[in-house]
């Protein structure tokens, strides 16, 4: 029972690794096509399609690997925290500027 469960876990890990490898190869190929098409004229629409496909495949790779998903979640959290902190600082600066401007001072 333990051996069959262990075999099942290992086979799932191997299949996941192979799937990730396939996604990685497709992603590299699509990015290469995207860069090649950027050098040619008249392929504006295909450039957007290539870029969106590469982003989707890259996102699927990140979601399929648990360690990358953890790093991705931390990165997204840090980005949103930075945006919120930046907005708070911008609001404080705007309020201070508005009060000083109302009193006749200028920054």
PDB file of N, CA and C in Angstrom:
ATOM      1  N   UNK A   1       0.832  -1.195   0.000  1.00  0.00           N
ATOM      2  CA  UNK A   1       0.000   0.000   0.000  1.00  0.00           C
ATOM      3  C   UNK A   1       0.875   1.256   0.000  1.00  0.00           C
ATOM      4  N   UNK A   2       1.880   1.270   0.864  1.00  0.00           N
ATOM      5  CA  UNK A   2       2.766   2.419   0.932  1.00  0.00           C
ATOM      6  C   UNK A   2       3.575   2.561  -0.347  1.00  0.00           C
ATOM      7  N   UNK A   3       4.008   1.430  -0.892  1.00  0.00           N
ATOM      8  CA  UNK A   3       4.813   1.466  -2.114  1.00  0.00           C
ATOM      9  C   UNK A   3       3.975   1.960  -3.285  1.00  0.00           C
ATOM     10  N   UNK A   4       2.711   1.520  -3.380  1.00  0.00           N
ATOM     11  CA  UNK A   4       1.872   1.969  -4.490  1.00  0.00           C
ATOM     12  C   UNK A   4       1.568   3.469  -4.368  1.00  0.00           C
ATOM     13  N   UNK A   5       1.355   3.950  -3.144  1.00  0.00           N
ATOM     14  CA  UNK A   5       1.127   5.383  -2.950  1.00  0.00           C
ATOM     15  C   UNK A   5       2.363   6.198  -3.296  1.00  0.00           C
ATOM     16  N   UNK A   6       3.526   5.686  -2.912  1.00  0.00           N
ATOM     17  CA  UNK A   6       4.782   6.361  -3.226  1.00  0.00           C
ATOM     18  C   UNK A   6       5.021   6.371  -4.729  1.00  0.00           C
ATOM     19  N   UNK A   7       4.727   5.244  -5.398  1.00  0.00           N
ATOM     20  CA  UNK A   7       4.875   5.178  -6.847  1.00  0.00           C
ATOM     21  C   UNK A   7       3.941   6.176  -7.525  1.00  0.00           C
ATOM     22  N   UNK A   8       2.713   6.271  -7.019  1.00  0.00           N
ATOM     23  CA  UNK A   8       1.751   7.216  -7.587  1.00  0.00           C
ATOM     24  C   UNK A   8       2.244   8.657  -7.429  1.00  0.00           C
ATOM     25  N   UNK A   9       2.771   8.992  -6.243  1.00  0.00           N
ATOM     26  CA  UNK A   9       3.298  10.340  -6.015  1.00  0.00           C
ATOM     27  C   UNK A   9       4.468  10.644  -6.934  1.00  0.00           C
ATOM     28  N   UNK A  10       5.373   9.690  -7.087  1.00  0.00           N
ATOM     29  CA  UNK A  10       6.532   9.895  -7.957  1.00  0.00           C
ATOM     30  C   UNK A  10       6.088  10.035  -9.411  1.00  0.00           C
ATOM     31  N   UNK A  11       5.104   9.223  -9.833  1.00  0.00           N
ATOM     32  CA  UNK A  11       4.642   9.323 -11.219  1.00  0.00           C
ATOM     33  C   UNK A  11       3.959  10.664 -11.473  1.00  0.00           C
ATOM     34  N   UNK A  12       3.218  11.169 -10.504  1.00  0.00           N
ATOM     35  CA  UNK A  12       2.602  12.494 -10.648  1.00  0.00           C
ATOM     36  C   UNK A  12       3.674  13.575 -10.731  1.00  0.00           C
ATOM     37  N   UNK A  13       4.720  13.461  -9.905  1.00  0.00           N
ATOM     38  CA  UNK A  13       5.818  14.432  -9.966  1.00  0.00           C
ATOM     39  C   UNK A  13       6.510  14.400 -11.317  1.00  0.00           C
ATOM     40  N   UNK A  14       6.742  13.199 -11.846  1.00  0.00           N
ATOM     41  CA  UNK A  14       7.405  13.077 -13.148  1.00  0.00           C
ATOM     42  C   UNK A  14       6.525  13.660 -14.252  1.00  0.00           C
ATOM     43  N   UNK A  15       5.218  13.359 -14.223  1.00  0.00           N
ATOM     44  CA  UNK A  15       4.316  13.904 -15.230  1.00  0.00           C
ATOM     45  C   UNK A  15       4.236  15.429 -15.141  1.00  0.00           C
ATOM     46  N   UNK A  16       4.213  15.957 -13.924  1.00  0.00           N
ATOM     47  CA  UNK A  16       4.190  17.404 -13.745  1.00  0.00           C
ATOM     48  C   UNK A  16       5.475  18.033 -14.277  1.00  0.00           C
ATOM     49  N   UNK A  17       6.602  17.393 -14.002  1.00  0.00           N
ATOM     50  CA  UNK A  17       7.880  17.920 -14.505  1.00  0.00           C
ATOM     51  C   UNK A  17       7.915  17.896 -16.027  1.00  0.00           C
ATOM     52  N   UNK A  18       7.421  16.816 -16.638  1.00  0.00           N
ATOM     53  CA  UNK A  18       7.393  16.742 -18.100  1.00  0.00           C
ATOM     54  C   UNK A  18       6.454  17.794 -18.689  1.00  0.00           C
ATOM     55  N   UNK A  19       5.309  17.985 -18.054  1.00  0.00           N
ATOM     56  CA  UNK A  19       4.373  19.005 -18.515  1.00  0.00           C
ATOM     57  C   UNK A  19       4.992  20.402 -18.404  1.00  0.00           C
ATOM     58  N   UNK A  20       5.694  20.645 -17.308  1.00  0.00           N
ATOM     59  CA  UNK A  20       6.377  21.930 -17.150  1.00  0.00           C
ATOM     60  C   UNK A  20       7.455  22.118 -18.216  1.00  0.00           C
ATOM     61  N   UNK A  21       8.162  21.038 -18.547  1.00  0.00           N
ATOM     62  CA  UNK A  21       9.182  21.114 -19.584  1.00  0.00           C
ATOM     63  C   UNK A  21       8.556  21.432 -20.937  1.00  0.00           C
ATOM     64  N   UNK A  22       7.429  20.803 -21.241  1.00  0.00           N
ATOM     65  CA  UNK A  22       6.725  21.084 -22.497  1.00  0.00           C
ATOM     66  C   UNK A  22       6.286  22.548 -22.538  1.00  0.00           C
ATOM     67  N   UNK A  23       5.697  23.037 -21.432  1.00  0.00           N
ATOM     68  CA  UNK A  23       5.282  24.433 -21.374  1.00  0.00           C
ATOM     69  C   UNK A  23       6.475  25.372 -21.532  1.00  0.00           C
ATOM     70  N   UNK A  24       7.596  25.013 -20.930  1.00  0.00           N
ATOM     71  CA  UNK A  24       8.784  25.847 -21.029  1.00  0.00           C
ATOM     72  C   UNK A  24       9.290  25.914 -22.467  1.00  0.00           C
ATOM     73  N   UNK A  25       9.314  24.774 -23.152  1.00  0.00           N
ATOM     74  CA  UNK A  25       9.767  24.751 -24.543  1.00  0.00           C
ATOM     75  C   UNK A  25       8.818  25.561 -25.419  1.00  0.00           C
ATOM     76  N   UNK A  26       7.502  25.402 -25.205  1.00  0.00           N
ATOM     77  CA  UNK A  26       6.532  26.179 -25.981  1.00  0.00           C
ATOM     78  C   UNK A  26       6.700  27.666 -25.705  1.00  0.00           C
ATOM     79  N   UNK A  27       6.922  28.011 -24.437  1.00  0.00           N
ATOM     80  CA  UNK A  27       7.094  29.412 -24.066  1.00  0.00           C
ATOM     81  C   UNK A  27       8.326  30.002 -24.729  1.00  0.00           C
ATOM     82  N   UNK A  28       9.441  29.283 -24.695  1.00  0.00           N
ATOM     83  CA  UNK A  28      10.671  29.767 -25.329  1.00  0.00           C
ATOM     84  C   UNK A  28      10.466  29.911 -26.835  1.00  0.00           C
ATOM     85  N   UNK A  29       9.792  28.935 -27.446  1.00  0.00           N
ATOM     86  CA  UNK A  29       9.533  28.992 -28.886  1.00  0.00           C
ATOM     87  C   UNK A  29       8.647  30.187 -29.234  1.00  0.00           C
ATOM     88  N   UNK A  30       7.604  30.410 -28.443  1.00  0.00           N
ATOM     89  CA  UNK A  30       6.694  31.520 -28.720  1.00  0.00           C
ATOM     90  C   UNK A  30       7.377  32.865 -28.509  1.00  0.00           C
ATOM     91  N   UNK A  31       8.183  32.992 -27.469  1.00  0.00           N
ATOM     92  CA  UNK A  31       8.912  34.242 -27.255  1.00  0.00           C
ATOM     93  C   UNK A  31       9.896  34.478 -28.388  1.00  0.00           C
ATOM     94  N   UNK A  32      10.541  33.401 -28.880  1.00  0.00           N
ATOM     95  CA  UNK A  32      11.459  33.526 -30.005  1.00  0.00           C
ATOM     96  C   UNK A  32      10.710  33.987 -31.256  1.00  0.00           C
ATOM     97  N   UNK A  33       9.530  33.404 -31.498  1.00  0.00           N
ATOM     98  CA  UNK A  33       8.723  33.844 -32.640  1.00  0.00           C
ATOM     99  C   UNK A  33       8.280  35.293 -32.468  1.00  0.00           C
ATOM    100  N   UNK A  34       7.933  35.647 -31.239  1.00  0.00           N
ATOM    101  CA  UNK A  34       7.508  37.019 -30.950  1.00  0.00           C
ATOM    102  C   UNK A  34       8.634  38.005 -31.262  1.00  0.00           C
ATOM    103  N   UNK A  35       9.854  37.675 -30.828  1.00  0.00           N
ATOM    104  CA  UNK A  35      10.980  38.561 -31.084  1.00  0.00           C
ATOM    105  C   UNK A  35      11.318  38.612 -32.567  1.00  0.00           C
ATOM    106  N   UNK A  36      11.184  37.477 -33.265  1.00  0.00           N
ATOM    107  CA  UNK A  36      11.423  37.473 -34.703  1.00  0.00           C
ATOM    108  C   UNK A  36      10.402  38.329 -35.435  1.00  0.00           C
ATOM    109  N   UNK A  37       9.139  38.226 -35.031  1.00  0.00           N
ATOM    110  CA  UNK A  37       8.079  38.983 -35.681  1.00  0.00           C
ATOM    111  C   UNK A  37       8.184  40.475 -35.376  1.00  0.00           C
ATOM    112  N   UNK A  38       8.796  40.836 -34.241  1.00  0.00           N
ATOM    113  CA  UNK A  38       8.957  42.250 -33.934  1.00  0.00           C
ATOM    114  C   UNK A  38       9.910  42.910 -34.929  1.00  0.00           C
ATOM    115  N   UNK A  39      10.828  42.130 -35.487  1.00  0.00           N
ATOM    116  CA  UNK A  39      11.790  42.680 -36.440  1.00  0.00           C
ATOM    117  C   UNK A  39      11.190  42.846 -37.833  1.00  0.00           C
ATOM    118  N   UNK A  40      10.082  42.165 -38.093  1.00  0.00           N
ATOM    119  CA  UNK A  40       9.440  42.243 -39.408  1.00  0.00           C
ATOM    120  C   UNK A  40       8.316  43.279 -39.354  1.00  0.00           C
ATOM    121  N   UNK A  41       8.024  43.856 -40.480  1.00  0.00           N
ATOM    122  CA  UNK A  41       6.927  44.827 -40.569  1.00  0.00           C
ATOM    123  C   UNK A  41       5.663  44.108 -41.016  1.00  0.00           C
ATOM    124  N   UNK A  42       4.523  44.639 -40.589  1.00  0.00           N
ATOM    125  CA  UNK A  42       3.241  44.079 -41.015  1.00  0.00           C
ATOM    126  C   UNK A  42       2.736  42.951 -40.143  1.00  0.00           C
ATOM    127  N   UNK A  43       3.336  42.718 -38.982  1.00  0.00           N
ATOM    128  CA  UNK A  43       2.897  41.639 -38.102  1.00  0.00           C
ATOM    129  C   UNK A  43       2.468  42.182 -36.739  1.00  0.00           C
ATOM    130  N   UNK A  44       1.821  43.336 -36.737  1.00  0.00           N
ATOM    131  CA  UNK A  44       1.470  43.957 -35.459  1.00  0.00           C
ATOM    132  C   UNK A  44       0.497  43.092 -34.664  1.00  0.00           C
ATOM    133  N   UNK A  45      -0.498  42.527 -35.354  1.00  0.00           N
ATOM    134  CA  UNK A  45      -1.496  41.724 -34.640  1.00  0.00           C
ATOM    135  C   UNK A  45      -0.895  40.424 -34.108  1.00  0.00           C
ATOM    136  N   UNK A  46      -0.026  39.789 -34.899  1.00  0.00           N
ATOM    137  CA  UNK A  46       0.567  38.538 -34.435  1.00  0.00           C
ATOM    138  C   UNK A  46       1.492  38.778 -33.245  1.00  0.00           C
ATOM    139  N   UNK A  47       2.104  39.975 -33.166  1.00  0.00           N
ATOM    140  CA  UNK A  47       2.952  40.276 -32.017  1.00  0.00           C
ATOM    141  C   UNK A  47       2.137  40.260 -30.734  1.00  0.00           C
ATOM    142  N   UNK A  48       0.960  40.847 -30.761  1.00  0.00           N
ATOM    143  CA  UNK A  48       0.116  40.848 -29.563  1.00  0.00           C
ATOM    144  C   UNK A  48      -0.341  39.444 -29.214  1.00  0.00           C
ATOM    145  N   UNK A  49      -0.689  38.661 -30.232  1.00  0.00           N
ATOM    146  CA  UNK A  49      -1.121  37.282 -29.979  1.00  0.00           C
ATOM    147  C   UNK A  49       0.022  36.475 -29.376  1.00  0.00           C
ATOM    148  N   UNK A  50       1.218  36.629 -29.920  1.00  0.00           N
ATOM    149  CA  UNK A  50       2.386  35.913 -29.396  1.00  0.00           C
ATOM    150  C   UNK A  50       2.674  36.331 -27.956  1.00  0.00           C
ATOM    151  N   UNK A  51       2.604  37.629 -27.686  1.00  0.00           N
ATOM    152  CA  UNK A  51       2.898  38.118 -26.341  1.00  0.00           C
ATOM    153  C   UNK A  51       1.881  37.600 -25.333  1.00  0.00           C
ATOM    154  N   UNK A  52       0.603  37.620 -25.688  1.00  0.00           N
ATOM    155  CA  UNK A  52      -0.436  37.132 -24.776  1.00  0.00           C
ATOM    156  C   UNK A  52      -0.266  35.633 -24.549  1.00  0.00           C
ATOM    157  N   UNK A  53       0.032  34.884 -25.611  1.00  0.00           N
ATOM    158  CA  UNK A  53       0.226  33.441 -25.457  1.00  0.00           C
ATOM    159  C   UNK A  53       1.421  33.146 -24.553  1.00  0.00           C
ATOM    160  N   UNK A  54       2.518  33.897 -24.747  1.00  0.00           N
ATOM    161  CA  UNK A  54       3.698  33.684 -23.907  1.00  0.00           C
ATOM    162  C   UNK A  54       3.399  34.005 -22.445  1.00  0.00           C
ATOM    163  N   UNK A  55       2.630  35.065 -22.201  1.00  0.00           N
ATOM    164  CA  UNK A  55       2.258  35.403 -20.821  1.00  0.00           C
ATOM    165  C   UNK A  55       1.379  34.326 -20.195  1.00  0.00           C
ATOM    166  N   UNK A  56       0.424  33.804 -20.960  1.00  0.00           N
ATOM    167  CA  UNK A  56      -0.468  32.768 -20.436  1.00  0.00           C
ATOM    168  C   UNK A  56       0.316  31.505 -20.110  1.00  0.00           C
ATOM    169  N   UNK A  57       1.202  31.097 -21.019  1.00  0.00           N
ATOM    170  CA  UNK A  57       1.991  29.885 -20.782  1.00  0.00           C
ATOM    171  C   UNK A  57       2.929  30.081 -19.594  1.00  0.00           C
ATOM    172  N   UNK A  58       3.546  31.261 -19.501  1.00  0.00           N
ATOM    173  CA  UNK A  58       4.406  31.546 -18.352  1.00  0.00           C
ATOM    174  C   UNK A  58       3.622  31.521 -17.050  1.00  0.00           C
ATOM    175  N   UNK A  59       2.408  32.061 -17.069  1.00  0.00           N
ATOM    176  CA  UNK A  59       1.559  32.036 -15.877  1.00  0.00           C
ATOM    177  C   UNK A  59       1.190  30.602 -15.510  1.00  0.00           C
ATOM    178  N   UNK A  60       0.898  29.763 -16.508  1.00  0.00           N
ATOM    179  CA  UNK A  60       0.574  28.358 -16.230  1.00  0.00           C
ATOM    180  C   UNK A  60       1.772  27.627 -15.633  1.00  0.00           C
ATOM    181  N   UNK A  61       2.969  27.955 -16.097  1.00  0.00           N
ATOM    182  CA  UNK A  61       4.168  27.336 -15.521  1.00  0.00           C
ATOM    183  C   UNK A  61       4.310  27.736 -14.063  1.00  0.00           C
ATOM    184  N   UNK A  62       4.102  29.023 -13.785  1.00  0.00           N
ATOM    185  CA  UNK A  62       4.247  29.510 -12.406  1.00  0.00           C
ATOM    186  C   UNK A  62       3.208  28.851 -11.504  1.00  0.00           C
ATOM    187  N   UNK A  63       1.978  28.721 -11.986  1.00  0.00           N
ATOM    188  CA  UNK A  63       0.913  28.141 -11.165  1.00  0.00           C
ATOM    189  C   UNK A  63       1.128  26.641 -10.963  1.00  0.00           C
ATOM    190  N   UNK A  64       1.717  25.947 -11.951  1.00  0.00           N
ATOM    191  CA  UNK A  64       1.840  24.498 -11.852  1.00  0.00           C
ATOM    192  C   UNK A  64       2.966  24.048 -10.925  1.00  0.00           C
ATOM    193  N   UNK A  65       3.945  24.894 -10.666  1.00  0.00           N
ATOM    194  CA  UNK A  65       5.048  24.527  -9.775  1.00  0.00           C
ATOM    195  C   UNK A  65       4.793  25.155  -8.412  1.00  0.00           C
ATOM    196  N   UNK A  66       4.648  24.344  -7.360  1.00  0.00           N
ATOM    197  CA  UNK A  66       4.283  24.909  -6.054  1.00  0.00           C
ATOM    198  C   UNK A  66       5.270  25.939  -5.515  1.00  0.00           C
ATOM    199  N   UNK A  67       6.575  25.701  -5.687  1.00  0.00           N
ATOM    200  CA  UNK A  67       7.556  26.655  -5.171  1.00  0.00           C
ATOM    201  C   UNK A  67       7.449  27.986  -5.912  1.00  0.00           C
ATOM    202  N   UNK A  68       7.276  27.923  -7.250  1.00  0.00           N
ATOM    203  CA  UNK A  68       7.137  29.158  -8.020  1.00  0.00           C
ATOM    204  C   UNK A  68       5.847  29.877  -7.664  1.00  0.00           C
ATOM    205  N   UNK A  69       4.777  29.109  -7.388  1.00  0.00           N
ATOM    206  CA  UNK A  69       3.513  29.734  -7.009  1.00  0.00           C
ATOM    207  C   UNK A  69       3.676  30.499  -5.701  1.00  0.00           C
ATOM    208  N   UNK A  70       4.426  29.955  -4.755  1.00  0.00           N
ATOM    209  CA  UNK A  70       4.661  30.649  -3.492  1.00  0.00           C
ATOM    210  C   UNK A  70       5.420  31.950  -3.736  1.00  0.00           C
ATOM    211  N   UNK A  71       6.482  31.880  -4.549  1.00  0.00           N
ATOM    212  CA  UNK A  71       7.232  33.089  -4.857  1.00  0.00           C
ATOM    213  C   UNK A  71       6.367  34.107  -5.602  1.00  0.00           C
ATOM    214  N   UNK A  72       5.533  33.612  -6.524  1.00  0.00           N
ATOM    215  CA  UNK A  72       4.647  34.488  -7.300  1.00  0.00           C
ATOM    216  C   UNK A  72       3.641  35.182  -6.378  1.00  0.00           C
ATOM    217  N   UNK A  73       3.062  34.433  -5.434  1.00  0.00           N
ATOM    218  CA  UNK A  73       2.125  35.030  -4.486  1.00  0.00           C
ATOM    219  C   UNK A  73       2.813  36.095  -3.640  1.00  0.00           C
ATOM    220  N   UNK A  74       4.033  35.818  -3.204  1.00  0.00           N
ATOM    221  CA  UNK A  74       4.771  36.800  -2.413  1.00  0.00           C
ATOM    222  C   UNK A  74       5.091  38.039  -3.247  1.00  0.00           C
ATOM    223  N   UNK A  75       5.458  37.838  -4.510  1.00  0.00           N
ATOM    224  CA  UNK A  75       5.769  38.963  -5.382  1.00  0.00           C
ATOM    225  C   UNK A  75       4.542  39.831  -5.626  1.00  0.00           C
ATOM    226  N   UNK A  76       3.407  39.185  -5.924  1.00  0.00           N
ATOM    227  CA  UNK A  76       2.165  39.938  -6.150  1.00  0.00           C
ATOM    228  C   UNK A  76       1.770  40.685  -4.884  1.00  0.00           C
ATOM    229  N   UNK A  77       1.907  40.037  -3.732  1.00  0.00           N
ATOM    230  CA  UNK A  77       1.598  40.704  -2.475  1.00  0.00           C
ATOM    231  C   UNK A  77       2.501  41.903  -2.236  1.00  0.00           C
ATOM    232  N   UNK A  78       3.779  41.757  -2.552  1.00  0.00           N
ATOM    233  CA  UNK A  78       4.711  42.878  -2.374  1.00  0.00           C
ATOM    234  C   UNK A  78       4.392  44.017  -3.333  1.00  0.00           C
ATOM    235  N   UNK A  79       4.018  43.673  -4.556  1.00  0.00           N
ATOM    236  CA  UNK A  79       3.674  44.722  -5.530  1.00  0.00           C
ATOM    237  C   UNK A  79       2.438  45.483  -5.079  1.00  0.00           C
ATOM    238  N   UNK A  80       1.397  44.753  -4.642  1.00  0.00           N
ATOM    239  CA  UNK A  80       0.186  45.439  -4.186  1.00  0.00           C
ATOM    240  C   UNK A  80       0.448  46.254  -2.922  1.00  0.00           C
ATOM    241  N   UNK A  81       1.283  45.735  -2.029  1.00  0.00           N
ATOM    242  CA  UNK A  81       1.628  46.500  -0.827  1.00  0.00           C
ATOM    243  C   UNK A  81       2.370  47.776  -1.217  1.00  0.00           C
ATOM    244  N   UNK A  82       3.276  47.686  -2.181  1.00  0.00           N
ATOM    245  CA  UNK A  82       3.982  48.872  -2.656  1.00  0.00           C
ATOM    246  C   UNK A  82       3.055  49.880  -3.302  1.00  0.00           C
ATOM    247  N   UNK A  83       2.082  49.396  -4.078  1.00  0.00           N
ATOM    248  CA  UNK A  83       1.119  50.307  -4.711  1.00  0.00           C
ATOM    249  C   UNK A  83       0.276  51.003  -3.656  1.00  0.00           C
ATOM    250  N   UNK A  84      -0.209  50.250  -2.679  1.00  0.00           N
ATOM    251  CA  UNK A  84      -1.036  50.843  -1.625  1.00  0.00           C
ATOM    252  C   UNK A  84      -0.230  51.839  -0.803  1.00  0.00           C
ATOM    253  N   UNK A  85       1.000  51.475  -0.447  1.00  0.00           N
ATOM    254  CA  UNK A  85       1.857  52.393   0.306  1.00  0.00           C
ATOM    255  C   UNK A  85       2.158  53.650  -0.512  1.00  0.00           C
ATOM    256  N   UNK A  86       2.416  53.479  -1.807  1.00  0.00           N
ATOM    257  CA  UNK A  86       2.646  54.631  -2.682  1.00  0.00           C
ATOM    258  C   UNK A  86       1.438  55.542  -2.764  1.00  0.00           C
ATOM    259  N   UNK A  87       0.240  54.957  -2.840  1.00  0.00           N
ATOM    260  CA  UNK A  87      -0.977  55.773  -2.860  1.00  0.00           C
ATOM    261  C   UNK A  87      -1.163  56.534  -1.558  1.00  0.00           C
ATOM    262  N   UNK A  88      -0.883  55.888  -0.437  1.00  0.00           N
ATOM    263  CA  UNK A  88      -1.012  56.556   0.863  1.00  0.00           C
ATOM    264  C   UNK A  88      -0.051  57.740   0.946  1.00  0.00           C
ATOM    265  N   UNK A  89       1.202  57.525   0.539  1.00  0.00           N
ATOM    266  CA  UNK A  89       2.189  58.607   0.561  1.00  0.00           C
ATOM    267  C   UNK A  89       1.772  59.725  -0.393  1.00  0.00           C
ATOM    268  N   UNK A  90       1.260  59.377  -1.576  1.00  0.00           N
ATOM    269  CA  UNK A  90       0.825  60.386  -2.537  1.00  0.00           C
ATOM    270  C   UNK A  90      -0.347  61.197  -1.979  1.00  0.00           C
ATOM    271  N   UNK A  91      -1.274  60.548  -1.298  1.00  0.00           N
ATOM    272  CA  UNK A  91      -2.407  61.259  -0.695  1.00  0.00           C
ATOM    273  C   UNK A  91      -1.924  62.198   0.398  1.00  0.00           C
ATOM    274  N   UNK A  92      -0.993  61.734   1.226  1.00  0.00           N
ATOM    275  CA  UNK A  92      -0.460  62.593   2.297  1.00  0.00           C
ATOM    276  C   UNK A  92       0.251  63.809   1.697  1.00  0.00           C
ATOM    277  N   UNK A  93       1.062  63.585   0.671  1.00  0.00           N
ATOM    278  CA  UNK A  93       1.762  64.707   0.028  1.00  0.00           C
ATOM    279  C   UNK A  93       0.757  65.672  -0.596  1.00  0.00           C
ATOM    280  N   UNK A  94      -0.278  65.134  -1.242  1.00  0.00           N
ATOM    281  CA  UNK A  94      -1.287  66.004  -1.852  1.00  0.00           C
ATOM    282  C   UNK A  94      -2.026  66.817  -0.801  1.00  0.00           C
ATOM    283  N   UNK A  95      -2.392  66.207   0.319  1.00  0.00           N
ATOM    284  CA  UNK A  95      -3.100  66.928   1.381  1.00  0.00           C
ATOM    285  C   UNK A  95      -2.207  68.020   1.962  1.00  0.00           C
ATOM    286  N   UNK A  96      -0.953  67.719   2.215  1.00  0.00           N
ATOM    287  CA  UNK A  96      -0.022  68.734   2.746  1.00  0.00           C
ATOM    288  C   UNK A  96       0.136  69.862   1.736  1.00  0.00           C
ATOM    289  N   UNK A  97       0.301  69.523   0.446  1.00  0.00           N
ATOM    290  CA  UNK A  97       0.429  70.545  -0.592  1.00  0.00           C
ATOM    291  C   UNK A  97      -0.821  71.398  -0.660  1.00  0.00           C
ATOM    292  N   UNK A  98      -1.990  70.782  -0.586  1.00  0.00           N
ATOM    293  CA  UNK A  98      -3.263  71.508  -0.664  1.00  0.00           C
ATOM    294  C   UNK A  98      -3.431  72.459   0.524  1.00  0.00           C
ATOM    295  N   UNK A  99      -3.095  71.986   1.721  1.00  0.00           N
ATOM    296  CA  UNK A  99      -3.206  72.845   2.917  1.00  0.00           C
ATOM    297  C   UNK A  99      -2.230  74.009   2.821  1.00  0.00           C
ATOM    298  N   UNK A 100      -0.980  73.737   2.433  1.00  0.00           N
ATOM    299  CA  UNK A 100       0.002  74.816   2.301  1.00  0.00           C
ATOM    300  C   UNK A 100      -0.394  75.792   1.200  1.00  0.00           C
ATOM    301  N   UNK A 101      -0.915  75.279   0.088  1.00  0.00           N
ATOM    302  CA  UNK A 101      -1.336  76.138  -1.009  1.00  0.00           C
ATOM    303  C   UNK A 101      -2.527  76.995  -0.595  1.00  0.00           C
ATOM    304  N   UNK A 102      -3.410  76.445   0.202  1.00  0.00           N
ATOM    305  CA  UNK A 102      -4.583  77.176   0.694  1.00  0.00           C
ATOM    306  C   UNK A 102      -4.158  78.312   1.634  1.00  0.00           C
ATOM    307  N   UNK A 103      -3.100  78.096   2.398  1.00  0.00           N
ATOM    308  CA  UNK A 103      -2.585  79.105   3.332  1.00  0.00           C
ATOM    309  C   UNK A 103      -1.706  80.145   2.635  1.00  0.00           C
ATOM    310  N   UNK A 104      -1.398  79.930   1.367  1.00  0.00           N
ATOM    311  CA  UNK A 104      -0.597  80.896   0.630  1.00  0.00           C
ATOM    312  C   UNK A 104       0.863  80.513   0.494  1.00  0.00           C
ATOM    313  N   UNK A 105       1.236  79.377   0.994  1.00  0.00           N
ATOM    314  CA  UNK A 105       2.621  78.904   0.850  1.00  0.00           C
ATOM    315  C   UNK A 105       2.743  78.067  -0.422  1.00  0.00           C
ATOM    316  N   UNK A 106       3.948  77.922  -0.916  1.00  0.00           N
ATOM    317  CA  UNK A 106       4.168  77.047  -2.069  1.00  0.00           C
ATOM    318  C   UNK A 106       5.357  76.143  -1.775  1.00  0.00           C
ATOM    319  N   UNK A 107       5.292  74.971  -2.326  1.00  0.00           N
ATOM    320  CA  UNK A 107       6.381  74.010  -2.111  1.00  0.00           C
ATOM    321  C   UNK A 107       7.475  74.184  -3.130  1.00  0.00           C
TER     322      UNK A 107
END
